[in-house]
C-alpha atoms as a PDB file:
ATOM      1  CA  UNK A   1     -34.872  26.185  29.589  1.00  0.00           C
ATOM      2  CA  UNK A   2     -35.787  24.185  26.485  1.00  0.00           C
ATOM      3  CA  UNK A   3     -32.879  25.692  24.572  1.00  0.00           C
ATOM      4  CA  UNK A   4     -30.434  24.626  27.309  1.00  0.00           C
ATOM      5  CA  UNK A   5     -31.659  21.025  27.131  1.00  0.00           C
ATOM      6  CA  UNK A   6     -31.243  20.905  23.360  1.00  0.00           C
ATOM      7  CA  UNK A   7     -27.672  22.226  23.581  1.00  0.00           C
ATOM      8  CA  UNK A   8     -26.857  19.723  26.311  1.00  0.00           C
ATOM      9  CA  UNK A   9     -28.043  16.898  24.094  1.00  0.00           C
ATOM     10  CA  UNK A  10     -25.806  18.141  21.301  1.00  0.00           C
ATOM     11  CA  UNK A  11     -22.822  18.255  23.636  1.00  0.00           C
ATOM     12  CA  UNK A  12     -23.481  14.686  24.776  1.00  0.00           C
ATOM     13  CA  UNK A  13     -23.814  13.504  21.166  1.00  0.00           C
ATOM     14  CA  UNK A  14     -20.519  15.149  20.185  1.00  0.00           C
ATOM     15  CA  UNK A  15     -18.764  13.640  23.210  1.00  0.00           C
ATOM     16  CA  UNK A  16     -20.010  10.164  22.275  1.00  0.00           C
ATOM     17  CA  UNK A  17     -18.773  10.606  18.696  1.00  0.00           C
ATOM     18  CA  UNK A  18     -15.354  11.756  19.906  1.00  0.00           C
ATOM     19  CA  UNK A  19     -15.096   8.802  22.288  1.00  0.00           C
ATOM     20  CA  UNK A  20     -16.001   6.442  19.458  1.00  0.00           C
ATOM     21  CA  UNK A  21     -13.356   8.009  17.227  1.00  0.00           C
ATOM     22  CA  UNK A  22     -10.660   7.592  19.873  1.00  0.00           C
ATOM     23  CA  UNK A  23     -11.645   3.956  20.354  1.00  0.00           C
ATOM     24  CA  UNK A  24     -11.568   3.329  16.605  1.00  0.00           C
ATOM     25  CA  UNK A  25      -7.959   4.509  16.308  1.00  0.00           C
ATOM     26  CA  UNK A  26      -6.729   2.666  19.433  1.00  0.00           C
ATOM     27  CA  UNK A  27      -5.964  -0.469  17.480  1.00  0.00           C
ATOM     28  CA  UNK A  28      -3.165  -2.219  15.624  1.00  0.00           C
ATOM     29  CA  UNK A  29      -3.584  -2.799  11.883  1.00  0.00           C
ATOM     30  CA  UNK A  30      -2.016  -5.966  10.420  1.00  0.00           C
ATOM     31  CA  UNK A  31      -1.605  -5.554   6.635  1.00  0.00           C
ATOM     32  CA  UNK A  32      -1.182  -8.856   4.825  1.00  0.00           C
ATOM     33  CA  UNK A  33       0.776  -9.334   1.596  1.00  0.00           C
ATOM     34  CA  UNK A  34      -2.475 -10.101  -0.234  1.00  0.00           C
ATOM     35  CA  UNK A  35      -3.740  -6.603   0.641  1.00  0.00           C
ATOM     36  CA  UNK A  36      -6.175  -7.582   3.421  1.00  0.00           C
ATOM     37  CA  UNK A  37      -6.128  -5.628   6.682  1.00  0.00           C
ATOM     38  CA  UNK A  38      -6.901  -7.019  10.144  1.00  0.00           C
ATOM     39  CA  UNK A  39      -7.990  -4.752  12.996  1.00  0.00           C
ATOM     40  CA  UNK A  40      -6.281  -6.269  16.002  1.00  0.00           C
ATOM     41  CA  UNK A  41      -4.443  -5.942  19.282  1.00  0.00           C
ATOM     42  CA  UNK A  42      -0.989  -7.488  18.787  1.00  0.00           C
ATOM     43  CA  UNK A  43       0.034  -9.687  21.708  1.00  0.00           C
ATOM     44  CA  UNK A  44       3.436 -11.007  20.631  1.00  0.00           C
ATOM     45  CA  UNK A  45       5.813 -10.709  17.664  1.00  0.00           C
ATOM     46  CA  UNK A  46       7.954 -13.862  17.619  1.00  0.00           C
ATOM     47  CA  UNK A  47      10.730 -15.018  15.313  1.00  0.00           C
ATOM     48  CA  UNK A  48       8.331 -16.860  12.992  1.00  0.00           C
ATOM     49  CA  UNK A  49       4.799 -15.899  14.061  1.00  0.00           C
ATOM     50  CA  UNK A  50       2.694 -12.990  15.274  1.00  0.00           C
ATOM     51  CA  UNK A  51       0.016 -13.558  17.919  1.00  0.00           C
ATOM     52  CA  UNK A  52      -2.926 -11.178  18.161  1.00  0.00           C
ATOM     53  CA  UNK A  53      -6.508 -10.772  19.343  1.00  0.00           C
ATOM     54  CA  UNK A  54      -9.303  -9.448  17.173  1.00  0.00           C
ATOM     55  CA  UNK A  55      -9.978  -5.815  18.005  1.00  0.00           C
ATOM     56  CA  UNK A  56     -13.720  -6.428  18.128  1.00  0.00           C
ATOM     57  CA  UNK A  57     -13.268  -9.410  20.498  1.00  0.00           C
ATOM     58  CA  UNK A  58     -10.356  -8.580  22.799  1.00  0.00           C
ATOM     59  CA  UNK A  59     -11.495 -11.100  25.407  1.00  0.00           C
ATOM     60  CA  UNK A  60     -11.615 -13.857  22.801  1.00  0.00           C
ATOM     61  CA  UNK A  61      -8.976 -16.371  21.708  1.00  0.00           C
ATOM     62  CA  UNK A  62      -5.481 -15.616  20.425  1.00  0.00           C
ATOM     63  CA  UNK A  63      -4.940 -15.862  16.670  1.00  0.00           C
ATOM     64  CA  UNK A  64      -1.634 -16.651  14.977  1.00  0.00           C
ATOM     65  CA  UNK A  65      -0.199 -15.538  11.631  1.00  0.00           C
ATOM     66  CA  UNK A  66       3.090 -16.495  10.019  1.00  0.00           C
ATOM     67  CA  UNK A  67       5.376 -13.502   9.526  1.00  0.00           C
ATOM     68  CA  UNK A  68       5.868 -14.608   5.935  1.00  0.00           C
ATOM     69  CA  UNK A  69       2.184 -13.731   5.324  1.00  0.00           C
ATOM     70  CA  UNK A  70       2.466 -10.220   6.786  1.00  0.00           C
ATOM     71  CA  UNK A  71       3.561  -7.121   4.879  1.00  0.00           C
ATOM     72  CA  UNK A  72       3.416  -4.621   7.745  1.00  0.00           C
ATOM     73  CA  UNK A  73       1.993  -3.961  11.224  1.00  0.00           C
ATOM     74  CA  UNK A  74       0.861  -0.384  11.929  1.00  0.00           C
ATOM     75  CA  UNK A  75       0.555   0.048  15.706  1.00  0.00           C
ATOM     76  CA  UNK A  76      -1.969   2.287  17.433  1.00  0.00           C
ATOM     77  CA  UNK A  77       0.793   4.679  18.565  1.00  0.00           C
ATOM     78  CA  UNK A  78       1.819   5.330  14.943  1.00  0.00           C
ATOM     79  CA  UNK A  79       4.928   3.103  14.811  1.00  0.00           C
ATOM     80  CA  UNK A  80       5.332   0.437  12.142  1.00  0.00           C
ATOM     81  CA  UNK A  81       6.976  -2.950  11.601  1.00  0.00           C
ATOM     82  CA  UNK A  82       7.661  -3.892   7.963  1.00  0.00           C
ATOM     83  CA  UNK A  83       8.461  -7.553   7.329  1.00  0.00           C
ATOM     84  CA  UNK A  84      10.816  -8.718   4.557  1.00  0.00           C
ATOM     85  CA  UNK A  85      11.601 -12.353   3.866  1.00  0.00           C
ATOM     86  CA  UNK A  86      15.250 -13.273   4.569  1.00  0.00           C
ATOM     87  CA  UNK A  87      16.723 -16.714   3.974  1.00  0.00           C
ATOM     88  CA  UNK A  88      19.767 -18.136   5.775  1.00  0.00           C
ATOM     89  CA  UNK A  89      21.493 -21.407   4.855  1.00  0.00           C
ATOM     90  CA  UNK A  90      24.659 -20.998   6.931  1.00  0.00           C
ATOM     91  CA  UNK A  91      25.568 -23.851   9.279  1.00  0.00           C
ATOM     92  CA  UNK A  92      27.994 -21.786  11.329  1.00  0.00           C
ATOM     93  CA  UNK A  93      27.244 -20.573  14.817  1.00  0.00           C
ATOM     94  CA  UNK A  94      26.449 -16.905  14.345  1.00  0.00           C
ATOM     95  CA  UNK A  95      26.664 -13.892  16.577  1.00  0.00           C
ATOM     96  CA  UNK A  96      24.243 -10.980  15.987  1.00  0.00           C
ATOM     97  CA  UNK A  97      24.269 -10.259  12.277  1.00  0.00           C
ATOM     98  CA  UNK A  98      24.048  -6.953  10.442  1.00  0.00           C
ATOM     99  CA  UNK A  99      22.300  -7.120   7.081  1.00  0.00           C
ATOM    100  CA  UNK A 100      21.243  -4.216   4.923  1.00  0.00           C
ATOM    101  CA  UNK A 101      17.693  -4.852   3.722  1.00  0.00           C
ATOM    102  CA  UNK A 102      17.378  -5.947   0.088  1.00  0.00           C
ATOM    103  CA  UNK A 103      14.483  -4.146  -1.548  1.00  0.00           C
ATOM    104  CA  UNK A 104      12.023  -6.504  -3.268  1.00  0.00           C
ATOM    105  CA  UNK A 105      11.433  -5.899  -6.968  1.00  0.00           C
ATOM    106  CA  UNK A 106       8.092  -4.523  -8.096  1.00  0.00           C
ATOM    107  CA  UNK A 107       6.230  -5.089 -11.341  1.00  0.00           C
ATOM    108  CA  UNK A 108       3.338  -3.418 -13.159  1.00  0.00           C
ATOM    109  CA  UNK A 109       0.414  -5.375 -14.613  1.00  0.00           C
ATOM    110  CA  UNK A 110      -2.684  -3.162 -14.514  1.00  0.00           C
ATOM    111  CA  UNK A 111      -1.483  -2.115 -11.073  1.00  0.00           C
ATOM    112  CA  UNK A 112       1.678  -2.513  -8.985  1.00  0.00           C
ATOM    113  CA  UNK A 113       2.560  -6.066  -7.887  1.00  0.00           C
ATOM    114  CA  UNK A 114       5.005  -7.470  -5.340  1.00  0.00           C
ATOM    115  CA  UNK A 115       5.718 -11.174  -4.781  1.00  0.00           C
ATOM    116  CA  UNK A 116       2.906 -12.158  -7.194  1.00  0.00           C
ATOM    117  CA  UNK A 117       0.380 -10.129  -5.171  1.00  0.00           C
ATOM    118  CA  UNK A 118      -1.232  -6.861  -6.246  1.00  0.00           C
ATOM    119  CA  UNK A 119      -0.633  -4.202  -3.605  1.00  0.00           C
ATOM    120  CA  UNK A 120      -2.606  -1.094  -2.698  1.00  0.00           C
ATOM    121  CA  UNK A 121      -1.456   2.496  -3.391  1.00  0.00           C
ATOM    122  CA  UNK A 122      -0.673   3.129   0.298  1.00  0.00           C
ATOM    123  CA  UNK A 123       1.533   0.030   0.353  1.00  0.00           C
ATOM    124  CA  UNK A 124       3.331   1.167  -2.802  1.00  0.00           C
ATOM    125  CA  UNK A 125       4.043   4.554  -1.204  1.00  0.00           C
ATOM    126  CA  UNK A 126       5.306   2.841   1.944  1.00  0.00           C
ATOM    127  CA  UNK A 127       7.708   0.692  -0.089  1.00  0.00           C
ATOM    128  CA  UNK A 128       8.945   3.604  -2.254  1.00  0.00           C
ATOM    129  CA  UNK A 129       9.286   5.954   0.711  1.00  0.00           C
ATOM    130  CA  UNK A 130      13.114   5.832   0.666  1.00  0.00           C
ATOM    131  CA  UNK A 131      13.325   6.419  -3.106  1.00  0.00           C
ATOM    132  CA  UNK A 132      12.094   9.995  -3.465  1.00  0.00           C
ATOM    133  CA  UNK A 133      12.353  10.092  -7.279  1.00  0.00           C
ATOM    134  CA  UNK A 134      10.362   6.888  -7.752  1.00  0.00           C
ATOM    135  CA  UNK A 135       7.785   8.057  -5.182  1.00  0.00           C
ATOM    136  CA  UNK A 136       7.390  11.411  -6.974  1.00  0.00           C
ATOM    137  CA  UNK A 137       6.785   9.690 -10.308  1.00  0.00           C
ATOM    138  CA  UNK A 138       4.289   7.314  -8.695  1.00  0.00           C
ATOM    139  CA  UNK A 139       2.291  10.070  -6.973  1.00  0.00           C
ATOM    140  CA  UNK A 140       2.183  12.208 -10.142  1.00  0.00           C
ATOM    141  CA  UNK A 141       1.235   9.238 -12.276  1.00  0.00           C
ATOM    142  CA  UNK A 142      -1.436   8.053  -9.874  1.00  0.00           C
ATOM    143  CA  UNK A 143      -3.052  11.526  -9.730  1.00  0.00           C
ATOM    144  CA  UNK A 144      -2.935  11.914 -13.509  1.00  0.00           C
ATOM    145  CA  UNK A 145      -4.404   8.435 -14.043  1.00  0.00           C
ATOM    146  CA  UNK A 146      -7.329   9.078 -11.682  1.00  0.00           C
ATOM    147  CA  UNK A 147      -8.120  12.504 -13.180  1.00  0.00           C
ATOM    148  CA  UNK A 148      -8.003  11.005 -16.671  1.00  0.00           C
ATOM    149  CA  UNK A 149     -10.477   8.305 -15.717  1.00  0.00           C
ATOM    150  CA  UNK A 150     -12.803  10.832 -14.042  1.00  0.00           C
ATOM    151  CA  UNK A 151     -12.864  12.847 -17.279  1.00  0.00           C
ATOM    152  CA  UNK A 152     -12.953   9.952 -19.762  1.00  0.00           C
ATOM    153  CA  UNK A 153     -15.793   7.867 -18.301  1.00  0.00           C
ATOM    154  CA  UNK A 154     -18.622  10.456 -18.275  1.00  0.00           C
ATOM    155  CA  UNK A 155     -17.461  11.969 -21.586  1.00  0.00           C
ATOM    156  CA  UNK A 156     -17.404   8.558 -23.269  1.00  0.00           C
ATOM    157  CA  UNK A 157     -20.949   7.951 -21.991  1.00  0.00           C
ATOM    158  CA  UNK A 158     -22.016  11.322 -23.424  1.00  0.00           C
ATOM    159  CA  UNK A 159     -20.317  10.490 -26.729  1.00  0.00           C
ATOM    160  CA  UNK A 160     -22.033   7.108 -26.930  1.00  0.00           C
ATOM    161  CA  UNK A 161     -25.418   8.667 -26.120  1.00  0.00           C
ATOM    162  CA  UNK A 162     -25.157  11.278 -28.866  1.00  0.00           C
ATOM    163  CA  UNK A 163     -23.823   8.774 -31.419  1.00  0.00           C
ATOM    164  CA  UNK A 164     -26.709   6.453 -30.565  1.00  0.00           C
ATOM    165  CA  UNK A 165     -29.229   9.204 -31.306  1.00  0.00           C
ATOM    166  CA  UNK A 166     -27.443   9.895 -34.586  1.00  0.00           C
ATOM    167  CA  UNK A 167     -27.526   6.221 -35.602  1.00  0.00           C
ATOM    168  CA  UNK A 168     -31.268   5.817 -34.973  1.00  0.00           C
ATOM    169  CA  UNK A 169     -32.006   8.997 -36.903  1.00  0.00           C
ATOM    170  CA  UNK A 170     -32.859  11.306 -34.015  1.00  0.00           C
ATOM    171  CA  UNK A 171     -31.595  14.864 -33.854  1.00  0.00           C
ATOM    172  CA  UNK A 172     -28.472  15.091 -31.753  1.00  0.00           C
ATOM    173  CA  UNK A 173     -26.750  17.980 -29.991  1.00  0.00           C
ATOM    174  CA  UNK A 174     -23.496  18.746 -31.822  1.00  0.00           C
ATOM    175  CA  UNK A 175     -22.129  20.707 -28.857  1.00  0.00           C
ATOM    176  CA  UNK A 176     -22.573  17.730 -26.512  1.00  0.00           C
ATOM    177  CA  UNK A 177     -21.142  15.438 -29.184  1.00  0.00           C
ATOM    178  CA  UNK A 178     -18.047  17.655 -29.443  1.00  0.00           C
ATOM    179  CA  UNK A 179     -17.657  17.717 -25.668  1.00  0.00           C
ATOM    180  CA  UNK A 180     -17.921  13.928 -25.588  1.00  0.00           C
ATOM    181  CA  UNK A 181     -15.239  13.498 -28.261  1.00  0.00           C
ATOM    182  CA  UNK A 182     -12.830  16.029 -26.750  1.00  0.00           C
ATOM    183  CA  UNK A 183     -13.344  14.886 -23.163  1.00  0.00           C
ATOM    184  CA  UNK A 184     -12.943  11.199 -23.993  1.00  0.00           C
ATOM    185  CA  UNK A 185      -9.733  11.852 -25.953  1.00  0.00           C
ATOM    186  CA  UNK A 186      -8.271  14.120 -23.258  1.00  0.00           C
ATOM    187  CA  UNK A 187      -9.170  11.715 -20.449  1.00  0.00           C
ATOM    188  CA  UNK A 188      -7.654   8.711 -22.228  1.00  0.00           C
ATOM    189  CA  UNK A 189      -4.461  10.630 -22.969  1.00  0.00           C
ATOM    190  CA  UNK A 190      -4.147  11.710 -19.319  1.00  0.00           C
ATOM    191  CA  UNK A 191      -4.813   8.188 -18.033  1.00  0.00           C
ATOM    192  CA  UNK A 192      -2.267   6.731 -20.479  1.00  0.00           C
ATOM    193  CA  UNK A 193       0.328   9.339 -19.462  1.00  0.00           C
ATOM    194  CA  UNK A 194      -0.329   8.630 -15.774  1.00  0.00           C
ATOM    195  CA  UNK A 195       0.071   4.890 -16.322  1.00  0.00           C
ATOM    196  CA  UNK A 196       3.429   5.488 -18.034  1.00  0.00           C
ATOM    197  CA  UNK A 197       4.595   7.567 -15.056  1.00  0.00           C
ATOM    198  CA  UNK A 198       3.641   4.719 -12.690  1.00  0.00           C
ATOM    199  CA  UNK A 199       5.619   2.266 -14.856  1.00  0.00           C
ATOM    200  CA  UNK A 200       8.568   4.661 -14.764  1.00  0.00           C
ATOM    201  CA  UNK A 201       8.379   4.817 -10.952  1.00  0.00           C
ATOM    202  CA  UNK A 202       8.535   1.012 -10.789  1.00  0.00           C
ATOM    203  CA  UNK A 203      11.592   0.952 -13.086  1.00  0.00           C
ATOM    204  CA  UNK A 204      13.335   3.631 -11.009  1.00  0.00           C
ATOM    205  CA  UNK A 205      12.624   1.757  -7.799  1.00  0.00           C
ATOM    206  CA  UNK A 206      13.868  -1.568  -9.211  1.00  0.00           C
ATOM    207  CA  UNK A 207      17.031  -0.019 -10.641  1.00  0.00           C
ATOM    208  CA  UNK A 208      18.009   1.289  -7.218  1.00  0.00           C
ATOM    209  CA  UNK A 209      16.978  -1.954  -5.525  1.00  0.00           C
ATOM    210  CA  UNK A 210      19.161  -4.027  -7.862  1.00  0.00           C
ATOM    211  CA  UNK A 211      22.164  -1.807  -7.129  1.00  0.00           C
ATOM    212  CA  UNK A 212      21.788  -2.175  -3.359  1.00  0.00           C
ATOM    213  CA  UNK A 213      24.623  -3.933  -1.567  1.00  0.00           C
ATOM    214  CA  UNK A 214      24.038  -6.110   1.464  1.00  0.00           C
ATOM    215  CA  UNK A 215      26.588  -7.634   3.765  1.00  0.00           C
ATOM    216  CA  UNK A 216      26.567 -10.211   6.521  1.00  0.00           C
ATOM    217  CA  UNK A 217      29.049 -10.697   9.357  1.00  0.00           C
ATOM    218  CA  UNK A 218      29.412 -14.247  10.716  1.00  0.00           C
ATOM    219  CA  UNK A 219      31.484 -15.159  13.743  1.00  0.00           C
ATOM    220  CA  UNK A 220      31.778 -18.814  14.717  1.00  0.00           C
ATOM    221  CA  UNK A 221      33.795 -21.965  14.954  1.00  0.00           C
ATOM    222  CA  UNK A 222      35.495 -23.481  11.906  1.00  0.00           C
ATOM    223  CA  UNK A 223      37.650 -26.574  11.390  1.00  0.00           C
ATOM    224  CA  UNK A 224      40.814 -24.576  12.149  1.00  0.00           C
ATOM    225  CA  UNK A 225      39.512 -22.560  15.072  1.00  0.00           C
ATOM    226  CA  UNK A 226      37.536 -19.369  15.487  1.00  0.00           C
ATOM    227  CA  UNK A 227      36.823 -17.419  12.308  1.00  0.00           C
ATOM    228  CA  UNK A 228      35.270 -14.178  11.151  1.00  0.00           C
ATOM    229  CA  UNK A 229      33.525 -14.084   7.783  1.00  0.00           C
ATOM    230  CA  UNK A 230      32.120 -11.041   5.991  1.00  0.00           C
ATOM    231  CA  UNK A 231      29.919 -11.814   2.993  1.00  0.00           C
ATOM    232  CA  UNK A 232      28.668  -9.348   0.394  1.00  0.00           C
ATOM    233  CA  UNK A 233      25.649  -9.741  -1.950  1.00  0.00           C
END
């Protein structure tokens, strides 16, 4: 009888954990261009703003964000909305317009940047998703960079420790000293190679983005009547 009670408690505990996990994923994630993420329940996506409630206070007030501040919304059902800034200065009356998205340029400065904001690895992969070659270089470079750091940091500590003992006149372990030298060198080389691959992925992505062609179809009234205008960029 005691054994049955213990098992029942375990079943209840597992059920509670599963329920908590389901609740945790039943939320919308708003990812800002500065890299911050907001757990939310999106109420409305307007032309200029997005209205939402905080996930941890769904009975609370509505909050508003400008779409220009948002990089992407990942909805609880797995779908996504990615926001790109588009500017229009036309004074014509326009019918529904078809525009091919212009990919924003990326840059590398101790990390990947977009629109003067450093972005996270998951955001980089999301942006490069349609450029398989750039994405492959980025993933390889990122893995190589991380492995290099994992090797270099502890080995450099070991090298410094053994050199310190040598400087103060204590007996040092030449095997550990050799491991420290070799590991530090190998780790730095791997990290440097990985960083170069990431830079290459950014160049590949930008080269394709700069060759992209966009077009816009405008239909409206002109001084001589009704006109149709197709513009290319």
